[in-house]
Structure formats: C-alpha cells, structure tokens
C-alpha atoms as a PDB file:
ATOM      1  CA  MET A   1      85.418 120.775  91.014  1.00  0.00           C
ATOM      2  CA  ALA A   2      81.935 119.576  89.372  1.00  0.00           C
ATOM      3  CA  ASN A   3      81.267 117.484  92.567  1.00  0.00           C
ATOM      4  CA  LEU A   4      81.882 120.556  94.668  1.00  0.00           C
ATOM      5  CA  LEU A   5      79.762 122.714  92.617  1.00  0.00           C
ATOM      6  CA  ILE A   6      77.027 119.898  93.050  1.00  0.00           C
ATOM      7  CA  LEU A   7      77.706 119.993  96.771  1.00  0.00           C
ATOM      8  CA  MET A   8      77.221 123.773  96.986  1.00  0.00           C
ATOM      9  CA  ALA A   9      74.241 123.963  94.793  1.00  0.00           C
ATOM     10  CA  ILE A  10      72.386 121.169  96.873  1.00  0.00           C
ATOM     11  CA  ARG A  11      73.278 122.985 100.180  1.00  0.00           C
ATOM     12  CA  LEU A  12      72.371 126.503  98.987  1.00  0.00           C
ATOM     13  CA  ASP A  13      69.225 125.737  97.007  1.00  0.00           C
ATOM     14  CA  CYS A  14      66.162 124.846  99.335  1.00  0.00           C
ATOM     15  CA  ALA A  15      64.092 123.362  96.532  1.00  0.00           C
ATOM     16  CA  LEU A  16      66.896 120.667  96.354  1.00  0.00           C
ATOM     17  CA  HIS A  17      66.426 119.807 100.166  1.00  0.00           C
ATOM     18  CA  THR A  18      64.638 116.433  99.416  1.00  0.00           C
ATOM     19  CA  PRO A  19      65.861 112.825 100.037  1.00  0.00           C
ATOM     20  CA  MET A  20      66.872 112.140  96.362  1.00  0.00           C
ATOM     21  CA  TYR A  21      69.369 115.313  96.652  1.00  0.00           C
ATOM     22  CA  PHE A  22      70.237 114.351  99.996  1.00  0.00           C
ATOM     23  CA  PHE A  23      71.928 110.977  98.829  1.00  0.00           C
ATOM     24  CA  LEU A  24      73.187 112.747  95.585  1.00  0.00           C
ATOM     25  CA  PHE A  25      74.883 115.188  98.132  1.00  0.00           C
ATOM     26  CA  THR A  26      76.458 112.337 100.036  1.00  0.00           C
ATOM     27  CA  LEU A  27      77.554 110.484  96.868  1.00  0.00           C
ATOM     28  CA  SER A  28      79.043 113.751  95.566  1.00  0.00           C
ATOM     29  CA  LEU A  29      80.759 114.352  98.872  1.00  0.00           C
ATOM     30  CA  SER A  30      82.088 110.490  98.908  1.00  0.00           C
ATOM     31  CA  GLU A  31      83.491 110.757  95.343  1.00  0.00           C
ATOM     32  CA  THR A  32      85.207 114.078  96.185  1.00  0.00           C
ATOM     33  CA  CYS A  33      87.102 112.416  98.999  1.00  0.00           C
ATOM     34  CA  TYR A  34      87.564 109.319  96.811  1.00  0.00           C
ATOM     35  CA  THR A  35      89.256 111.599  94.163  1.00  0.00           C
ATOM     36  CA  PHE A  36      91.529 113.008  96.480  1.00  0.00           C
ATOM     37  CA  VAL A  37      92.778 109.562  97.654  1.00  0.00           C
ATOM     38  CA  VAL A  38      94.036 108.559  94.309  1.00  0.00           C
ATOM     39  CA  ILE A  39      94.505 111.342  91.967  1.00  0.00           C
ATOM     40  CA  PRO A  40      97.066 113.645  93.842  1.00  0.00           C
ATOM     41  CA  ASN A  41      99.398 110.964  94.555  1.00  0.00           C
ATOM     42  CA  MET A  42      98.920 109.751  90.927  1.00  0.00           C
ATOM     43  CA  LEU A  43     100.040 112.914  89.584  1.00  0.00           C
ATOM     44  CA  ALA A  44     103.013 113.350  91.812  1.00  0.00           C
ATOM     45  CA  THR A  45     104.355 109.783  90.815  1.00  0.00           C
ATOM     46  CA  LEU A  46     103.822 110.849  87.033  1.00  0.00           C
ATOM     47  CA  LEU A  47     105.546 113.858  87.618  1.00  0.00           C
ATOM     48  CA  SER A  48     108.476 112.549  89.654  1.00  0.00           C
ATOM     49  CA  GLY A  49     108.914 109.474  87.459  1.00  0.00           C
ATOM     50  CA  GLY A  50     108.334 107.062  90.145  1.00  0.00           C
ATOM     51  CA  LYS A  51     107.724 108.507  93.641  1.00  0.00           C
ATOM     52  CA  PRO A  52     107.946 105.891  96.409  1.00  0.00           C
ATOM     53  CA  ILE A  53     105.113 105.455  99.008  1.00  0.00           C
ATOM     54  CA  CYS A  54     105.671 104.291 102.723  1.00  0.00           C
ATOM     55  CA  LEU A  55     103.968 101.174 103.661  1.00  0.00           C
ATOM     56  CA  VAL A  56     101.622 102.938 106.271  1.00  0.00           C
ATOM     57  CA  GLY A  57     100.799 105.315 103.096  1.00  0.00           C
ATOM     58  CA  CYS A  58     100.001 102.493 100.925  1.00  0.00           C
ATOM     59  CA  ALA A  59      97.858 100.870 103.494  1.00  0.00           C
ATOM     60  CA  LEU A  60      96.019 104.182 104.349  1.00  0.00           C
ATOM     61  CA  GLN A  61      95.364 104.876 100.432  1.00  0.00           C
ATOM     62  CA  MET A  62      94.136 101.350  99.774  1.00  0.00           C
ATOM     63  CA  PHE A  63      91.856 101.770 102.880  1.00  0.00           C
ATOM     64  CA  PHE A  64      90.363 105.041 101.913  1.00  0.00           C
ATOM     65  CA  PHE A  65      90.003 103.951  98.298  1.00  0.00           C
ATOM     66  CA  LEU A  66      88.199 100.908  99.037  1.00  0.00           C
ATOM     67  CA  SER A  67      86.082 102.356 101.842  1.00  0.00           C
ATOM     68  CA  PHE A  68      84.870 105.349  99.632  1.00  0.00           C
ATOM     69  CA  ALA A  69      84.334 102.976  96.504  1.00  0.00           C
ATOM     70  CA  SER A  70      82.341 100.584  98.860  1.00  0.00           C
ATOM     71  CA  THR A  71      80.392 103.553 100.084  1.00  0.00           C
ATOM     72  CA  ASN A  72      79.464 104.680  96.722  1.00  0.00           C
ATOM     73  CA  CYS A  73      78.157 101.259  95.774  1.00  0.00           C
ATOM     74  CA  SER A  74      76.069 101.238  98.686  1.00  0.00           C
ATOM     75  CA  LEU A  75      74.758 104.784  98.021  1.00  0.00           C
ATOM     76  CA  LEU A  76      73.951 103.799  94.476  1.00  0.00           C
ATOM     77  CA  ALA A  77      71.770 101.110  95.936  1.00  0.00           C
ATOM     78  CA  VAL A  78      70.150 103.376  98.394  1.00  0.00           C
ATOM     79  CA  MET A  79      69.211 105.930  95.500  1.00  0.00           C
ATOM     80  CA  GLY A  80      67.684 103.172  93.408  1.00  0.00           C
ATOM     81  CA  TYR A  81      65.485 102.265  96.507  1.00  0.00           C
ATOM     82  CA  ASP A  82      64.741 106.082  96.701  1.00  0.00           C
ATOM     83  CA  ARG A  83      63.629 106.145  93.191  1.00  0.00           C
ATOM     84  CA  TYR A  84      61.699 102.947  93.718  1.00  0.00           C
ATOM     85  CA  VAL A  85      59.717 104.507  96.678  1.00  0.00           C
ATOM     86  CA  ALA A  86      58.950 107.817  94.576  1.00  0.00           C
ATOM     87  CA  ILE A  87      57.518 106.236  91.718  1.00  0.00           C
ATOM     88  CA  CYS A  88      55.683 103.240  93.062  1.00  0.00           C
ATOM     89  CA  HIS A  89      54.571 104.625  96.352  1.00  0.00           C
ATOM     90  CA  PRO A  90      54.280 108.501  95.634  1.00  0.00           C
ATOM     91  CA  LEU A  91      51.661 109.121  98.404  1.00  0.00           C
ATOM     92  CA  HIS A  92      54.025 107.525 100.988  1.00  0.00           C
ATOM     93  CA  TYR A  93      57.157 109.036 100.001  1.00  0.00           C
ATOM     94  CA  SER A  94      57.475 111.648 102.714  1.00  0.00           C
ATOM     95  CA  GLU A  95      56.993 108.978 105.474  1.00  0.00           C
ATOM     96  CA  LEU A  96      58.943 106.389 104.076  1.00  0.00           C
ATOM     97  CA  MET A  97      61.799 108.641 103.191  1.00  0.00           C
ATOM     98  CA  ASN A  98      61.957 110.926 106.025  1.00  0.00           C
ATOM     99  CA  LEU A  99      65.026 112.635 107.345  1.00  0.00           C
ATOM    100  CA  ARG A 100      65.630 110.171 110.012  1.00  0.00           C
ATOM    101  CA  ILE A 101      65.448 107.116 107.566  1.00  0.00           C
ATOM    102  CA  CYS A 102      67.701 109.037 105.216  1.00  0.00           C
ATOM    103  CA  LEU A 103      70.230 109.710 107.678  1.00  0.00           C
ATOM    104  CA  TRP A 104      69.982 106.206 108.894  1.00  0.00           C
ATOM    105  CA  PHE A 105      70.795 104.859 105.310  1.00  0.00           C
ATOM    106  CA  ALA A 106      73.733 107.236 104.765  1.00  0.00           C
ATOM    107  CA  ALA A 107      75.074 106.146 108.121  1.00  0.00           C
ATOM    108  CA  SER A 108      74.685 102.427 107.324  1.00  0.00           C
ATOM    109  CA  CYS A 109      76.402 102.973 103.937  1.00  0.00           C
ATOM    110  CA  LEU A 110      79.588 104.869 105.678  1.00  0.00           C
ATOM    111  CA  PHE A 111      79.632 102.479 108.501  1.00  0.00           C
ATOM    112  CA  PHE A 112      79.503  99.003 106.233  1.00  0.00           C
ATOM    113  CA  GLY A 113      81.471 100.830 103.775  1.00  0.00           C
ATOM    114  CA  PHE A 114      84.589 101.508 106.146  1.00  0.00           C
ATOM    115  CA  LEU A 115      84.055  98.255 108.255  1.00  0.00           C
ATOM    116  CA  ILE A 116      84.705  95.456 105.111  1.00  0.00           C
ATOM    117  CA  PRO A 117      87.659  97.131 103.603  1.00  0.00           C
ATOM    118  CA  GLY A 118      89.100  97.651 107.143  1.00  0.00           C
ATOM    119  CA  ILE A 119      89.094  94.062 107.587  1.00  0.00           C
ATOM    120  CA  GLU A 120      90.426  93.513 104.069  1.00  0.00           C
ATOM    121  CA  VAL A 121      93.389  95.950 104.406  1.00  0.00           C
ATOM    122  CA  TYR A 122      94.288  94.369 107.910  1.00  0.00           C
ATOM    123  CA  LEU A 123      94.546  91.066 106.534  1.00  0.00           C
ATOM    124  CA  ILE A 124      96.374  92.285 103.499  1.00  0.00           C
ATOM    125  CA  PHE A 125      99.239  94.102 105.454  1.00  0.00           C
ATOM    126  CA  ASN A 126      99.524  91.462 107.951  1.00  0.00           C
ATOM    127  CA  LEU A 127     101.152  89.408 105.201  1.00  0.00           C
ATOM    128  CA  PRO A 128     105.214  89.108 104.932  1.00  0.00           C
ATOM    129  CA  TYR A 129     106.672  90.887 101.980  1.00  0.00           C
ATOM    130  CA  CYS A 130     110.043  90.357 101.255  1.00  0.00           C
ATOM    131  CA  GLY A 131     110.768  92.459  98.114  1.00  0.00           C
ATOM    132  CA  PRO A 132     111.092  93.636  95.708  1.00  0.00           C
ATOM    133  CA  ASN A 133     108.432  96.212  96.994  1.00  0.00           C
ATOM    134  CA  ARG A 134     107.497  97.769  93.532  1.00  0.00           C
ATOM    135  CA  ILE A 135     103.796  97.860  92.742  1.00  0.00           C
ATOM    136  CA  ASP A 136     102.961  97.487  88.969  1.00  0.00           C
ATOM    137  CA  HIS A 137     100.054 100.039  89.479  1.00  0.00           C
ATOM    138  CA  PHE A 138      99.559 103.761  89.774  1.00  0.00           C
ATOM    139  CA  PHE A 139      97.944 103.478  93.111  1.00  0.00           C
ATOM    140  CA  CYS A 140      97.703 100.887  96.210  1.00  0.00           C
ATOM    141  CA  ASP A 141      95.137  98.483  94.857  1.00  0.00           C
ATOM    142  CA  SER A 142      94.706  95.113  96.715  1.00  0.00           C
ATOM    143  CA  GLY A 143      95.608  92.865  93.616  1.00  0.00           C
ATOM    144  CA  PRO A 144      98.929  94.436  92.809  1.00  0.00           C
ATOM    145  CA  VAL A 145      99.862  94.603  96.356  1.00  0.00           C
ATOM    146  CA  LEU A 146      98.860  90.970  97.120  1.00  0.00           C
ATOM    147  CA  GLN A 147     101.284  89.800  94.351  1.00  0.00           C
ATOM    148  CA  LEU A 148     104.193  91.126  96.303  1.00  0.00           C
ATOM    149  CA  ALA A 149     103.469  88.732  99.103  1.00  0.00           C
ATOM    150  CA  CYS A 150     106.141  86.302  99.815  1.00  0.00           C
ATOM    151  CA  THR A 151     103.368  83.606 101.302  1.00  0.00           C
ATOM    152  CA  ASP A 152     100.193  82.332 100.562  1.00  0.00           C
ATOM    153  CA  SER A 153      97.644  84.937 100.322  1.00  0.00           C
ATOM    154  CA  LYS A 154      94.482  82.869  99.908  1.00  0.00           C
ATOM    155  CA  VAL A 155      92.460  84.167 102.857  1.00  0.00           C
ATOM    156  CA  PRO A 156      92.882  87.817 101.978  1.00  0.00           C
ATOM    157  CA  LYS A 157      91.986  87.170  98.254  1.00  0.00           C
ATOM    158  CA  ILE A 158      88.924  85.274  99.358  1.00  0.00           C
ATOM    159  CA  VAL A 159      87.925  88.458 101.419  1.00  0.00           C
ATOM    160  CA  VAL A 160      88.474  90.921  99.126  1.00  0.00           C
ATOM    161  CA  PHE A 161      86.457  88.755  96.614  1.00  0.00           C
ATOM    162  CA  ALA A 162      83.963  88.398  99.028  1.00  0.00           C
ATOM    163  CA  GLY A 163      83.881  92.286  99.683  1.00  0.00           C
ATOM    164  CA  GLY A 164      83.537  92.759  96.072  1.00  0.00           C
ATOM    165  CA  LEU A 165      80.548  90.179  95.868  1.00  0.00           C
ATOM    166  CA  LEU A 166      78.690  92.061  98.661  1.00  0.00           C
ATOM    167  CA  PHE A 167      79.311  95.851  97.547  1.00  0.00           C
ATOM    168  CA  ILE A 168      79.113  95.096  93.705  1.00  0.00           C
ATOM    169  CA  ILE A 169      76.812  92.208  93.093  1.00  0.00           C
ATOM    170  CA  GLY A 170      74.811  92.657  96.205  1.00  0.00           C
ATOM    171  CA  ALA A 171      74.279  96.278  95.607  1.00  0.00           C
ATOM    172  CA  LEU A 172      73.680  95.723  92.081  1.00  0.00           C
ATOM    173  CA  LEU A 173      71.314  93.085  92.680  1.00  0.00           C
ATOM    174  CA  LEU A 174      69.316  95.513  94.999  1.00  0.00           C
ATOM    175  CA  ILE A 175      69.201  98.293  92.309  1.00  0.00           C
ATOM    176  CA  LEU A 176      68.010  95.714  89.543  1.00  0.00           C
ATOM    177  CA  LEU A 177      65.276  94.660  91.744  1.00  0.00           C
ATOM    178  CA  SER A 178      64.334  98.381  92.550  1.00  0.00           C
ATOM    179  CA  TYR A 179      64.166  98.749  88.686  1.00  0.00           C
ATOM    180  CA  VAL A 180      62.016  95.705  88.027  1.00  0.00           C
ATOM    181  CA  PHE A 181      59.222  97.155  90.287  1.00  0.00           C
ATOM    182  CA  ILE A 182      59.913 100.731  88.814  1.00  0.00           C
ATOM    183  CA  LEU A 183      59.714  99.590  85.225  1.00  0.00           C
ATOM    184  CA  SER A 184      56.711  97.644  86.074  1.00  0.00           C
ATOM    185  CA  ALA A 185      54.882 100.855  87.711  1.00  0.00           C
ATOM    186  CA  ILE A 186      55.830 102.970  84.700  1.00  0.00           C
ATOM    187  CA  LEU A 187      54.330 100.449  82.030  1.00  0.00           C
ATOM    188  CA  LYS A 188      51.051 100.997  84.013  1.00  0.00           C
ATOM    189  CA  ILE A 189      51.034 104.721  83.570  1.00  0.00           C
ATOM    190  CA  SER A 190      48.673 105.467  80.807  1.00  0.00           C
ATOM    191  CA  SER A 191      50.207 108.500  79.040  1.00  0.00           C
ATOM    192  CA  ALA A 192      53.099 108.693  77.206  1.00  0.00           C
ATOM    193  CA  GLN A 193      54.292 111.993  78.834  1.00  0.00           C
ATOM    194  CA  GLY A 194      53.778 110.356  82.258  1.00  0.00           C
ATOM    195  CA  ARG A 195      56.081 107.498  81.275  1.00  0.00           C
ATOM    196  CA  HIS A 196      58.627 109.735  79.967  1.00  0.00           C
ATOM    197  CA  LYS A 197      58.638 112.040  83.015  1.00  0.00           C
ATOM    198  CA  ALA A 198      58.971 108.830  85.188  1.00  0.00           C
ATOM    199  CA  PHE A 199      61.603 107.288  83.505  1.00  0.00           C
ATOM    200  CA  SER A 200      63.672 110.630  83.244  1.00  0.00           C
ATOM    201  CA  THR A 201      63.724 110.756  86.961  1.00  0.00           C
ATOM    202  CA  CYS A 202      65.877 107.421  86.706  1.00  0.00           C
ATOM    203  CA  ALA A 203      68.149 108.177  83.764  1.00  0.00           C
ATOM    204  CA  ALA A 204      70.999 109.756  85.379  1.00  0.00           C
ATOM    205  CA  HIS A 205      70.957 107.048  88.115  1.00  0.00           C
ATOM    206  CA  ILE A 206      70.962 104.272  85.514  1.00  0.00           C
ATOM    207  CA  THR A 207      73.768 105.771  83.504  1.00  0.00           C
ATOM    208  CA  VAL A 208      75.931 106.251  86.681  1.00  0.00           C
ATOM    209  CA  VAL A 209      75.247 102.671  87.891  1.00  0.00           C
ATOM    210  CA  ILE A 210      76.431 101.052  84.368  1.00  0.00           C
ATOM    211  CA  VAL A 211      79.595 102.969  84.343  1.00  0.00           C
ATOM    212  CA  HIS A 212      80.540 102.518  87.761  1.00  0.00           C
ATOM    213  CA  TYR A 213      79.617  98.477  88.181  1.00  0.00           C
ATOM    214  CA  GLY A 214      80.728  97.920  84.817  1.00  0.00           C
ATOM    215  CA  CYS A 215      84.544  98.892  85.487  1.00  0.00           C
ATOM    216  CA  ALA A 216      84.524  97.688  88.980  1.00  0.00           C
ATOM    217  CA  GLY A 217      82.905  94.392  88.089  1.00  0.00           C
ATOM    218  CA  ILE A 218      85.528  93.785  85.336  1.00  0.00           C
ATOM    219  CA  VAL A 219      88.338  94.358  87.801  1.00  0.00           C
ATOM    220  CA  TYR A 220      87.445  92.762  91.206  1.00  0.00           C
ATOM    221  CA  LEU A 221      85.158  89.737  89.825  1.00  0.00           C
ATOM    222  CA  ARG A 222      87.027  88.293  87.152  1.00  0.00           C
ATOM    223  CA  PRO A 223      88.439  84.833  87.549  1.00  0.00           C
ATOM    224  CA  LYS A 224      92.023  84.576  88.377  1.00  0.00           C
ATOM    225  CA  SER A 225      93.028  83.104  85.043  1.00  0.00           C
ATOM    226  CA  ALA A 226      91.447  86.195  83.322  1.00  0.00           C
ATOM    227  CA  HIS A 227      93.348  88.899  85.075  1.00  0.00           C
ATOM    228  CA  SER A 228      95.886  91.192  83.363  1.00  0.00           C
ATOM    229  CA  LEU A 229      97.587  93.867  85.057  1.00  0.00           C
ATOM    230  CA  GLU A 230      97.819  96.023  82.063  1.00  0.00           C
ATOM    231  CA  GLN A 231      94.088  95.722  81.411  1.00  0.00           C
ATOM    232  CA  ASP A 232      93.550  96.360  85.233  1.00  0.00           C
ATOM    233  CA  LYS A 233      95.601  99.472  85.083  1.00  0.00           C
ATOM    234  CA  LEU A 234      93.926 100.761  81.977  1.00  0.00           C
ATOM    235  CA  ILE A 235      90.266 100.116  83.524  1.00  0.00           C
ATOM    236  CA  ALA A 236      91.462 101.436  86.784  1.00  0.00           C
ATOM    237  CA  VAL A 237      91.966 104.808  85.043  1.00  0.00           C
ATOM    238  CA  SER A 238      88.307 104.866  84.110  1.00  0.00           C
ATOM    239  CA  TYR A 239      86.976 104.337  87.562  1.00  0.00           C
ATOM    240  CA  THR A 240      89.341 106.378  89.463  1.00  0.00           C
ATOM    241  CA  VAL A 241      89.536 109.388  87.116  1.00  0.00           C
ATOM    242  CA  PHE A 242      86.853 109.336  84.689  1.00  0.00           C
ATOM    243  CA  THR A 243      83.893 107.926  86.551  1.00  0.00           C
ATOM    244  CA  PRO A 244      84.001 110.931  89.283  1.00  0.00           C
ATOM    245  CA  LEU A 245      84.497 113.400  86.666  1.00  0.00           C
ATOM    246  CA  LEU A 246      81.169 111.964  84.503  1.00  0.00           C
ATOM    247  CA  ASN A 247      78.905 111.372  87.391  1.00  0.00           C
ATOM    248  CA  PRO A 248      78.255 115.035  88.424  1.00  0.00           C
ATOM    249  CA  MET A 249      78.063 115.952  84.845  1.00  0.00           C
ATOM    250  CA  MET A 250      75.451 113.095  84.049  1.00  0.00           C
ATOM    251  CA  TYR A 251      73.420 114.368  86.946  1.00  0.00           C
ATOM    252  CA  SER A 252      73.520 118.094  85.952  1.00  0.00           C
ATOM    253  CA  LEU A 253      73.024 117.573  82.422  1.00  0.00           C
ATOM    254  CA  ARG A 254      70.081 115.141  82.855  1.00  0.00           C
ATOM    255  CA  ASN A 255      68.316 116.825  85.621  1.00  0.00           C
ATOM    256  CA  LYS A 256      66.507 120.306  85.184  1.00  0.00           C
ATOM    257  CA  GLU A 257      66.388 121.081  88.924  1.00  0.00           C
ATOM    258  CA  VAL A 258      70.264 120.407  89.287  1.00  0.00           C
ATOM    259  CA  ARG A 259      71.040 122.577  86.201  1.00  0.00           C
ATOM    260  CA  LEU A 260      68.651 125.605  87.311  1.00  0.00           C
ATOM    261  CA  ALA A 261      70.313 125.288  90.975  1.00  0.00           C
ATOM    262  CA  LEU A 262      74.095 124.996  89.260  1.00  0.00           C
ATOM    263  CA  ARG A 263      72.957 128.237  87.227  1.00  0.00           C
ATOM    264  CA  LYS A 264      72.115 130.053  90.466  1.00  0.00           C
ATOM    265  CA  THR A 265      75.069 129.097  92.176  1.00  0.00           C
ATOM    266  CA  MET A 266      77.278 130.045  89.644  1.00  0.00           C
ATOM    267  CA  THR A 267      75.660 133.360  89.076  1.00  0.00           C
ATOM    268  CA  SER A 268      76.009 133.842  93.182  1.00  0.00           C
ATOM    269  CA  ILE A 269      79.669 133.313  92.719  1.00  0.00           C
ATOM    270  CA  PHE A 270      80.725 135.147  89.683  1.00  0.00           C
ATOM    271  CA  CYS A 271      77.942 137.657  89.482  1.00  0.00           C
ATOM    272  CA  PRO A 272      76.766 138.559  93.059  1.00  0.00           C
ATOM    273  CA  GLN A 273      75.457 141.698  91.789  1.00  0.00           C
ATOM    274  CA  ARG A 274      72.913 139.671  89.770  1.00  0.00           C
ATOM    275  CA  ALA A 275      71.962 137.059  92.300  1.00  0.00           C
END
C-alpha cells in the first residue's frame, strides 16, 4: 500500500515529474511486483501449514523474485548516478537526464534484470531432482532448491554467484563511485546550509542502499562454509517483507516533496471536497 501510494502521488503531482521521481516511480512499481511474488504464497503456506507448490510455479516464483530483485539493484545504481549528475553537474542536469535517457536507463535495468535470472532459473530447473522435494524455506529461492538436486550443481551455483556479483557488488561499486564524487562536490560547498541541503537529497537513497545491499550480500555472497539455512530464512524475511515496507517510508519521511504529494493524494482520495 505504501508503494502504491507513492506511485499515485508521483503520477498525479506534476511537481514530481522529474528524473529522480521517475526512477523512484519505477523502483516502487518493481517493489510492488516483487512483494506480490513472495508474500501472498508465503501467507497461504503459513495458514495451510505447508501448502505445496508445483514445479512450474516454483520456477516462476524464483524467476520473478530474482528478476525484480536484480532490477531493484540496477535501479538503485541508476538513482545514485542521477544524484551524482544533479549535484556535480546541475547546469547540465536537464540535458544529461532527459526523458529519452531516463527511459533507456529504466529499459536497460529491466532487460538485464530479467535476462540474467532467466539463465540462472533455466540452469537450475534443468537439473534432475530425485526427492524428497521439500524446500527448507518459505519461498523458492535458488539456494534451498539447489540443495535438492541429486547431481552436481556446480555450474548453476557458479552462475547464481556470478549474477550476485554483477547485480550486488557491481551495482554497489557504481553507487559508491557516484557518492565519492558527490561527497567531493558537497565538501566544496562553502555554506553549511548548502552542504546540508545537498546531502539531504541523498539521505533516503543511502539508507535504502544500506538495507537492501546489506541483506542481499549476506545471503548471496557468503562463502559456502558460512551458509546456514536458518540464518538465510531469517535474513530473507528482512529483504522480502521488511525492506519493501521500509523503502517507501524512508523516501516519504526523508523527502519533503514526497510528503506534500502524499498529503495531496490522501486528501483527494478521502476528502475530495477539500482537494
């Protein structure tokens, strides 16, 4: 609901029709889909005491979960670049981040975000599974499913790990590079008020990046010897349930423009006579 409210606010408020909010709109849309991939089936499983899922359903859930998660990583990297351009090249911002470039960035995030997980899921579900086909997890994640394979699963594991490196470490390095330049530019601002204003535009993004990449990195980039399914399940709850809930709250609470747009949207929905 929080993500849907942000989608409505950005769509209805003309003041938010800028590149930064275009990417926030795309991220909120991706996270809404990401939420529906895991949580409804998880709740049904909890209520039924262990609802089975068919092989095709498991493959589709894994594909869309990994795809939207990868897309989110890519979008966070693009949002970091957007902040870099806004702070380090403000006079050329409208030229460097025009609508065509924004659409190209969003399309690229979606394309690669769905392509790499598609290859991973294809390799995983081409392995033979001899049973028992019981997943020790609350959704079809790659690690628990690969543990059920009754043959060598080295190649799919390498591909999943490489995908994690690309979307987690690769995107994180791009974000860190953007913030190195941003920090350098902020330190050159003479007034404390100017530095605070520049940094405040990045605060919500930084918070979301720390939560998102911290949880994902712990699960997908740990060495095999350090893996614990119980720990993975606990961490998975954070990035499948809590992170999609916290992200829109972070953006709305830390951003005055989003708060005003949300207030206008809520007023128009619940008090139309006052809108």
